[in-house]
Structures are given as C-alpha cells and as structure tokens.
Amino acid sequence: MNKFQLKIQILIVLFFISFTGFSQVYKETFAHTFSIVARDKITGEMAVGVQSHWFSVGSLVSWGKSGVGVVATQSFINPAYGPNGLKIMESGRSATKTLQYLVDQDKGKDVRQVAMLDTNGNVFAFTGDNCVVYADQIIGDNFSVQANMMLNDKVVPAMAETFQENEALPLAERVLKVLQAAQKAGGDIRGKQSAALIVVGPKKVKEVWNDKIVDLRVDDHQNPIAELERLLRIHQAYEYMNKGDLAVEHNDMKLALKEYGAAQNLFPDNLEMKYWTAIALANNGDIEKAMPIFKEVFMVDVNWLELTKRLPRSGLLTVSEKDLQRILKL
C-alpha cells in the first residue's frame, strides 16, 4: 500500500466515524475506575487491565486487537472510542493522533477518560476536566495509567511506579501487579466489584478466535482482583494443557507429559490435570506411575473411569489391552 492509498483509507475511516455520530454524548453508561494500557517492549504484546465498582467493567472499558493496539475508555464512557480507535490505528495513524482526533470530535469530552496505545509503542491519554476527583493519568514508556473517582491522589502514582518496577514479569502478571497496587493505595472510593484483563499480540492474526492471548473478566465479585489473579493462573495452567493436547496429537508423549505436568504443578488438586497427566504417563510406558493417579481420580469421580473406556477408540489412550484392564479395575 503506497502513501496515497493509506491516506485515502484513513480519510474513509474518519468520515465513517463522523457520519455515524461519534460526537454523541453517552449519558447512560459510566464506569468510574482505574486502568492501565501497556506494551511489553520485548515481546510486543499489548494489554489492558481495569477494575471498578461497577458491574461488568470489562465489557465496555477494555478493547484490543493484535497487531493494532489497545484502548481503555472510562469515566462517563463513550464506548465508540474502543472500536473506532482500533479502526483508525489499524489504518495507519498513531495512538496519539487517533485519540486526539476522537477527543476533538466528542461533545462529551469533559467527562471522558481514555487511553490508547499502538503496536509501535506510541501511547496517549486524555482526562476530561469534569471527571470526578481524584482523577489523574500518567503516561510513561510504553504505558499509561489512569483513574477517576479514586479515594485519594496516591492511586495513579502507585500504578505507574509498580509497572516500572516489575519489568521482568510477563505482561499479564505485570498488569495484574499494577491493579493490585492501585487497590492497595486506595482504589475506587466506592469499593470494588468487577475487573478485566486482555492481552493481544504484536502481529495481526487471520483467525479472529486467536486474536486475544488473554481474555479474562470478573463481572461481579467481592474481591475482583484476587479472582482475576486466580483466573490468570488457571489460564496459564490450561495453556500448558493445550500444549499437552497438541503434543498428543503429534504422538509426542514425552512432551505431552512435560506440559501436563507443568499444568498440574500450578493446580495440583485439579482432577482434569491429574487425569491427563496419568494418561500421558501411561502412553509413555510408565504405567506404574500412572496407576495411583488414575485411582485417586476415579475415587473422586467415577465418570473419569467411564471416559477411560472410550479413549482407546479415539487413539488417546494407547496402552496394551492388559494394561487397559488394569486401569479399568482400579
């Protein structure tokens, strides 16, 4: 695509946004909250993390697309900042120019708080003059933290400091640390109810279902950040499980055993993870180590025994008939 074609594409997107009434003031939706948009300079991954004393904050505040960027739109929310911001950034404009353009078109900008970050690490944020205090933002290297209706003025500085101090962590865990720091510093003056975390990749993907690397939401909970942390650990464990399943598909039982074992280490009491670890052990010829794990799982829930009978036909359990009968007699 040459520069002239890119300019035409941008103009078409901007016209569409103006035509569809972006400047409408959205009075019916608000989420006073704290959030972060951030990018990992090494992996290129981008993320949004958010918590609020409002139901299902992740459904409207957090937006992202792999190879494009991320958006957090809050306070008196104009949800259009999310999809429209991603469209403009995808057409070639930086996060800075995109957000400035959209703010200029928004008649309700005085009550908006928005942050955008693009795949090149450009980041920009806006806090309207009428956002409820304490309201503030800090833009840093590949991140922006912002909040409104906070208990005190310590929340946003604590978020920025925490992000900068945890550079060695994977992005999802780093963002979670930021949310925890915000809550510890005072958080939303009203309390807490919901939280969300999304992570997208540095490159565009063809399959829309693979666009988000992490996509977690806690819509209603007494301690949403703690619940978000639990869900992130489960997500990580099941990533190992997925890798184990893929190894089984390729008949690489040693790798499957390694991946299932890593998952079980994260959640040692999870029956699903125990069971597939036992399957991998059995398929890898280590039936004696598999037997006590099978027995433990079957004692908790006999349906796993019934499932075991069905696996040989699908090629997921490849032990001898003799060993199969040993397993089924547990």
Foldseek 3Di string as FASTA:
>chain_A
DDPVVLVVQLVVLVVVCVVVPLQDQQQPDAFFWKKKWFAQPPFLKIKIKIWGPAFFLVVQAWADWAQFWIKGKHQSGSSCCRVSLSSNSVSPDFSVVSVVVSLVSYPNNLRIWMKIHTSVLDIDIDHHVPFAPPWDKDDDRGMIITGGQFPDDVQRVQLVVQLVVPSVDDPQVSRLSSVVSNVVVTTHVVATFKMWMWMAGNNHDPDPVNGTPDTDIDRGDNDHSVVVVVVVLLSVLVVLCVQLVVCVVVVNLVSNLVSLVVSCVSPVPDLVSLQSNLQSCQSVVNNVVSQVSLVVSCVVPVVSLVVLVVVVVVVSHDHDPVSSVVSSVD
